[in-house]
Amino acid sequence: MRGKIPKTELLVTFEVVARHESYTRAAEELALTQSAVFRQVSALEEFLHTPLFS
């Protein structure tokens, strides 16, 4: 996977969740459902092959 980068929206979602430490608050800021935020973080975890939050 050398040279591949994740989609920008996945990185933005990760940053907002990390900053707020909350899927709910991140969803409010991003105007998405909490489920959509969770799915985007899950997609980034799958892309990176590692969990991002415990």
PDB file of N, CA and C in Angstrom:
ATOM      1  N   MET A   1       0.814  -1.204   0.000  1.00  0.00           N
ATOM      2  CA  MET A   1       0.000   0.000   0.000  1.00  0.00           C
ATOM      3  C   MET A   1       0.851   1.259   0.000  1.00  0.00           C
ATOM      4  N   ARG A   2       2.070   1.146  -0.367  1.00  0.00           N
ATOM      5  CA  ARG A   2       2.943   2.300  -0.386  1.00  0.00           C
ATOM      6  C   ARG A   2       2.389   3.362  -1.321  1.00  0.00           C
ATOM      7  N   GLY A   3       2.388   4.594  -0.824  1.00  0.00           N
ATOM      8  CA  GLY A   3       1.919   5.701  -1.637  1.00  0.00           C
ATOM      9  C   GLY A   3       0.430   5.975  -1.534  1.00  0.00           C
ATOM     10  N   LYS A   4      -0.316   5.088  -0.932  1.00  0.00           N
ATOM     11  CA  LYS A   4      -1.758   5.319  -0.791  1.00  0.00           C
ATOM     12  C   LYS A   4      -2.022   6.107   0.477  1.00  0.00           C
ATOM     13  N   ILE A   5      -2.987   6.986   0.393  1.00  0.00           N
ATOM     14  CA  ILE A   5      -3.393   7.762   1.566  1.00  0.00           C
ATOM     15  C   ILE A   5      -4.905   7.633   1.729  1.00  0.00           C
ATOM     16  N   PRO A   6      -5.381   7.747   2.969  1.00  0.00           N
ATOM     17  CA  PRO A   6      -6.831   7.643   3.177  1.00  0.00           C
ATOM     18  C   PRO A   6      -7.560   8.872   2.644  1.00  0.00           C
ATOM     19  N   LYS A   7      -8.844   8.726   2.449  1.00  0.00           N
ATOM     20  CA  LYS A   7      -9.671   9.847   1.994  1.00  0.00           C
ATOM     21  C   LYS A   7      -9.630  10.973   3.024  1.00  0.00           C
ATOM     22  N   THR A   8      -9.640  12.184   2.540  1.00  0.00           N
ATOM     23  CA  THR A   8      -9.564  13.362   3.405  1.00  0.00           C
ATOM     24  C   THR A   8     -10.683  13.385   4.428  1.00  0.00           C
ATOM     25  N   GLU A   9     -11.901  13.017   4.027  1.00  0.00           N
ATOM     26  CA  GLU A   9     -13.020  13.080   4.974  1.00  0.00           C
ATOM     27  C   GLU A   9     -12.818  12.132   6.156  1.00  0.00           C
ATOM     28  N   LEU A  10     -12.131  11.013   5.940  1.00  0.00           N
ATOM     29  CA  LEU A  10     -11.852  10.099   7.049  1.00  0.00           C
ATOM     30  C   LEU A  10     -10.880  10.729   8.038  1.00  0.00           C
ATOM     31  N   LEU A  11      -9.886  11.421   7.517  1.00  0.00           N
ATOM     32  CA  LEU A  11      -8.910  12.092   8.385  1.00  0.00           C
ATOM     33  C   LEU A  11      -9.548  13.243   9.147  1.00  0.00           C
ATOM     34  N   VAL A  12     -10.402  13.997   8.480  1.00  0.00           N
ATOM     35  CA  VAL A  12     -11.096  15.111   9.141  1.00  0.00           C
ATOM     36  C   VAL A  12     -11.986  14.569  10.256  1.00  0.00           C
ATOM     37  N   THR A  13     -12.725  13.519   9.966  1.00  0.00           N
ATOM     38  CA  THR A  13     -13.598  12.927  10.980  1.00  0.00           C
ATOM     39  C   THR A  13     -12.780  12.437  12.165  1.00  0.00           C
ATOM     40  N   PHE A  14     -11.669  11.767  11.903  1.00  0.00           N
ATOM     41  CA  PHE A  14     -10.798  11.300  12.989  1.00  0.00           C
ATOM     42  C   PHE A  14     -10.326  12.466  13.844  1.00  0.00           C
ATOM     43  N   GLU A  15      -9.907  13.549  13.215  1.00  0.00           N
ATOM     44  CA  GLU A  15      -9.414  14.716  13.961  1.00  0.00           C
ATOM     45  C   GLU A  15     -10.498  15.291  14.856  1.00  0.00           C
ATOM     46  N   VAL A  16     -11.715  15.404  14.345  1.00  0.00           N
ATOM     47  CA  VAL A  16     -12.809  15.988  15.122  1.00  0.00           C
ATOM     48  C   VAL A  16     -13.182  15.071  16.294  1.00  0.00           C
ATOM     49  N   VAL A  17     -13.240  13.773  16.063  1.00  0.00           N
ATOM     50  CA  VAL A  17     -13.539  12.838  17.155  1.00  0.00           C
ATOM     51  C   VAL A  17     -12.449  12.912  18.221  1.00  0.00           C
ATOM     52  N   ALA A  18     -11.193  12.932  17.805  1.00  0.00           N
ATOM     53  CA  ALA A  18     -10.084  12.996  18.759  1.00  0.00           C
ATOM     54  C   ALA A  18     -10.121  14.299  19.555  1.00  0.00           C
ATOM     55  N   ARG A  19     -10.426  15.390  18.896  1.00  0.00           N
ATOM     56  CA  ARG A  19     -10.466  16.693  19.567  1.00  0.00           C
ATOM     57  C   ARG A  19     -11.583  16.750  20.601  1.00  0.00           C
ATOM     58  N   HIS A  20     -12.743  16.232  20.238  1.00  0.00           N
ATOM     59  CA  HIS A  20     -13.899  16.274  21.142  1.00  0.00           C
ATOM     60  C   HIS A  20     -13.921  15.102  22.124  1.00  0.00           C
ATOM     61  N   GLU A  21     -13.173  14.054  21.805  1.00  0.00           N
ATOM     62  CA  GLU A  21     -13.217  12.814  22.591  1.00  0.00           C
ATOM     63  C   GLU A  21     -14.646  12.296  22.710  1.00  0.00           C
ATOM     64  N   SER A  22     -15.406  12.474  21.622  1.00  0.00           N
ATOM     65  CA  SER A  22     -16.818  12.088  21.637  1.00  0.00           C
ATOM     66  C   SER A  22     -17.327  11.939  20.203  1.00  0.00           C
ATOM     67  N   TYR A  23     -17.927  10.778  19.928  1.00  0.00           N
ATOM     68  CA  TYR A  23     -18.550  10.582  18.617  1.00  0.00           C
ATOM     69  C   TYR A  23     -19.764  11.495  18.462  1.00  0.00           C
ATOM     70  N   THR A  24     -20.501  11.685  19.539  1.00  0.00           N
ATOM     71  CA  THR A  24     -21.707  12.511  19.490  1.00  0.00           C
ATOM     72  C   THR A  24     -21.373  13.961  19.175  1.00  0.00           C
ATOM     73  N   ARG A  25     -20.417  14.531  19.886  1.00  0.00           N
ATOM     74  CA  ARG A  25     -20.039  15.929  19.631  1.00  0.00           C
ATOM     75  C   ARG A  25     -19.413  16.091  18.249  1.00  0.00           C
ATOM     76  N   ALA A  26     -18.642  15.100  17.836  1.00  0.00           N
ATOM     77  CA  ALA A  26     -18.062  15.147  16.492  1.00  0.00           C
ATOM     78  C   ALA A  26     -19.167  15.128  15.442  1.00  0.00           C
ATOM     79  N   ALA A  27     -20.167  14.291  15.653  1.00  0.00           N
ATOM     80  CA  ALA A  27     -21.283  14.214  14.709  1.00  0.00           C
ATOM     81  C   ALA A  27     -22.006  15.550  14.610  1.00  0.00           C
ATOM     82  N   GLU A  28     -22.195  16.202  15.750  1.00  0.00           N
ATOM     83  CA  GLU A  28     -22.850  17.517  15.739  1.00  0.00           C
ATOM     84  C   GLU A  28     -22.029  18.530  14.943  1.00  0.00           C
ATOM     85  N   GLU A  29     -20.720  18.555  15.177  1.00  0.00           N
ATOM     86  CA  GLU A  29     -19.871  19.517  14.455  1.00  0.00           C
ATOM     87  C   GLU A  29     -19.840  19.235  12.961  1.00  0.00           C
ATOM     88  N   LEU A  30     -19.808  17.963  12.606  1.00  0.00           N
ATOM     89  CA  LEU A  30     -19.700  17.582  11.198  1.00  0.00           C
ATOM     90  C   LEU A  30     -21.055  17.512  10.489  1.00  0.00           C
ATOM     91  N   ALA A  31     -22.136  17.707  11.242  1.00  0.00           N
ATOM     92  CA  ALA A  31     -23.501  17.606  10.702  1.00  0.00           C
ATOM     93  C   ALA A  31     -23.743  16.231  10.080  1.00  0.00           C
ATOM     94  N   LEU A  32     -23.301  15.200  10.818  1.00  0.00           N
ATOM     95  CA  LEU A  32     -23.503  13.814  10.419  1.00  0.00           C
ATOM     96  C   LEU A  32     -24.195  13.087  11.563  1.00  0.00           C
ATOM     97  N   THR A  33     -24.676  11.889  11.282  1.00  0.00           N
ATOM     98  CA  THR A  33     -25.189  11.067  12.375  1.00  0.00           C
ATOM     99  C   THR A  33     -24.008  10.451  13.118  1.00  0.00           C
ATOM    100  N   GLN A  34     -24.264  10.057  14.349  1.00  0.00           N
ATOM    101  CA  GLN A  34     -23.220   9.402  15.134  1.00  0.00           C
ATOM    102  C   GLN A  34     -22.777   8.112  14.435  1.00  0.00           C
ATOM    103  N   SER A  35     -23.720   7.423  13.843  1.00  0.00           N
ATOM    104  CA  SER A  35     -23.428   6.189  13.121  1.00  0.00           C
ATOM    105  C   SER A  35     -22.493   6.441  11.938  1.00  0.00           C
ATOM    106  N   ALA A  36     -22.722   7.521  11.212  1.00  0.00           N
ATOM    107  CA  ALA A  36     -21.868   7.856  10.069  1.00  0.00           C
ATOM    108  C   ALA A  36     -20.445   8.166  10.526  1.00  0.00           C
ATOM    109  N   VAL A  37     -20.325   8.869  11.638  1.00  0.00           N
ATOM    110  CA  VAL A  37     -19.002   9.180  12.185  1.00  0.00           C
ATOM    111  C   VAL A  37     -18.298   7.887  12.577  1.00  0.00           C
ATOM    112  N   PHE A  38     -19.007   6.999  13.248  1.00  0.00           N
ATOM    113  CA  PHE A  38     -18.428   5.720  13.659  1.00  0.00           C
ATOM    114  C   PHE A  38     -17.967   4.925  12.439  1.00  0.00           C
ATOM    115  N   ARG A  39     -18.787   4.901  11.387  1.00  0.00           N
ATOM    116  CA  ARG A  39     -18.421   4.168  10.167  1.00  0.00           C
ATOM    117  C   ARG A  39     -17.181   4.760   9.511  1.00  0.00           C
ATOM    118  N   GLN A  40     -17.056   6.085   9.525  1.00  0.00           N
ATOM    119  CA  GLN A  40     -15.877   6.709   8.925  1.00  0.00           C
ATOM    120  C   GLN A  40     -14.618   6.380   9.718  1.00  0.00           C
ATOM    121  N   VAL A  41     -14.711   6.412  11.037  1.00  0.00           N
ATOM    122  CA  VAL A  41     -13.556   6.044  11.867  1.00  0.00           C
ATOM    123  C   VAL A  41     -13.219   4.567  11.644  1.00  0.00           C
ATOM    124  N   SER A  42     -14.223   3.731  11.556  1.00  0.00           N
ATOM    125  CA  SER A  42     -13.999   2.304  11.296  1.00  0.00           C
ATOM    126  C   SER A  42     -13.313   2.090   9.949  1.00  0.00           C
ATOM    127  N   ALA A  43     -13.708   2.855   8.953  1.00  0.00           N
ATOM    128  CA  ALA A  43     -13.082   2.752   7.633  1.00  0.00           C
ATOM    129  C   ALA A  43     -11.611   3.159   7.697  1.00  0.00           C
ATOM    130  N   LEU A  44     -11.305   4.192   8.474  1.00  0.00           N
ATOM    131  CA  LEU A  44      -9.913   4.616   8.626  1.00  0.00           C
ATOM    132  C   LEU A  44      -9.113   3.552   9.373  1.00  0.00           C
ATOM    133  N   GLU A  45      -9.703   2.962  10.400  1.00  0.00           N
ATOM    134  CA  GLU A  45      -9.032   1.881  11.132  1.00  0.00           C
ATOM    135  C   GLU A  45      -8.738   0.708  10.201  1.00  0.00           C
ATOM    136  N   GLU A  46      -9.685   0.381   9.353  1.00  0.00           N
ATOM    137  CA  GLU A  46      -9.483  -0.709   8.397  1.00  0.00           C
ATOM    138  C   GLU A  46      -8.372  -0.357   7.409  1.00  0.00           C
ATOM    139  N   PHE A  47      -8.361   0.866   6.933  1.00  0.00           N
ATOM    140  CA  PHE A  47      -7.332   1.313   5.996  1.00  0.00           C
ATOM    141  C   PHE A  47      -5.944   1.219   6.626  1.00  0.00           C
ATOM    142  N   LEU A  48      -5.848   1.624   7.903  1.00  0.00           N
ATOM    143  CA  LEU A  48      -4.561   1.653   8.605  1.00  0.00           C
ATOM    144  C   LEU A  48      -4.211   0.319   9.267  1.00  0.00           C
ATOM    145  N   HIS A  49      -5.162  -0.595   9.298  1.00  0.00           N
ATOM    146  CA  HIS A  49      -4.976  -1.903   9.940  1.00  0.00           C
ATOM    147  C   HIS A  49      -4.628  -1.772  11.419  1.00  0.00           C
ATOM    148  N   THR A  50      -5.281  -0.830  12.099  1.00  0.00           N
ATOM    149  CA  THR A  50      -5.038  -0.645  13.529  1.00  0.00           C
ATOM    150  C   THR A  50      -6.210   0.083  14.180  1.00  0.00           C
ATOM    151  N   PRO A  51      -6.517  -0.249  15.430  1.00  0.00           N
ATOM    152  CA  PRO A  51      -7.554   0.508  16.139  1.00  0.00           C
ATOM    153  C   PRO A  51      -7.043   1.900  16.505  1.00  0.00           C
ATOM    154  N   LEU A  52      -7.915   2.889  16.440  1.00  0.00           N
ATOM    155  CA  LEU A  52      -7.512   4.266  16.727  1.00  0.00           C
ATOM    156  C   LEU A  52      -7.960   4.735  18.097  1.00  0.00           C
ATOM    157  N   PHE A  53      -9.058   4.202  18.592  1.00  0.00           N
ATOM    158  CA  PHE A  53      -9.566   4.583  19.908  1.00  0.00           C
ATOM    159  C   PHE A  53      -9.832   3.317  20.707  1.00  0.00           C
ATOM    160  N   SER A  54      -9.675   3.427  22.025  1.00  0.00           N
ATOM    161  CA  SER A  54      -9.964   2.254  22.866  1.00  0.00           C
ATOM    162  C   SER A  54     -11.249   2.450  23.636  1.00  0.00           C
TER     163      SER A  54
END
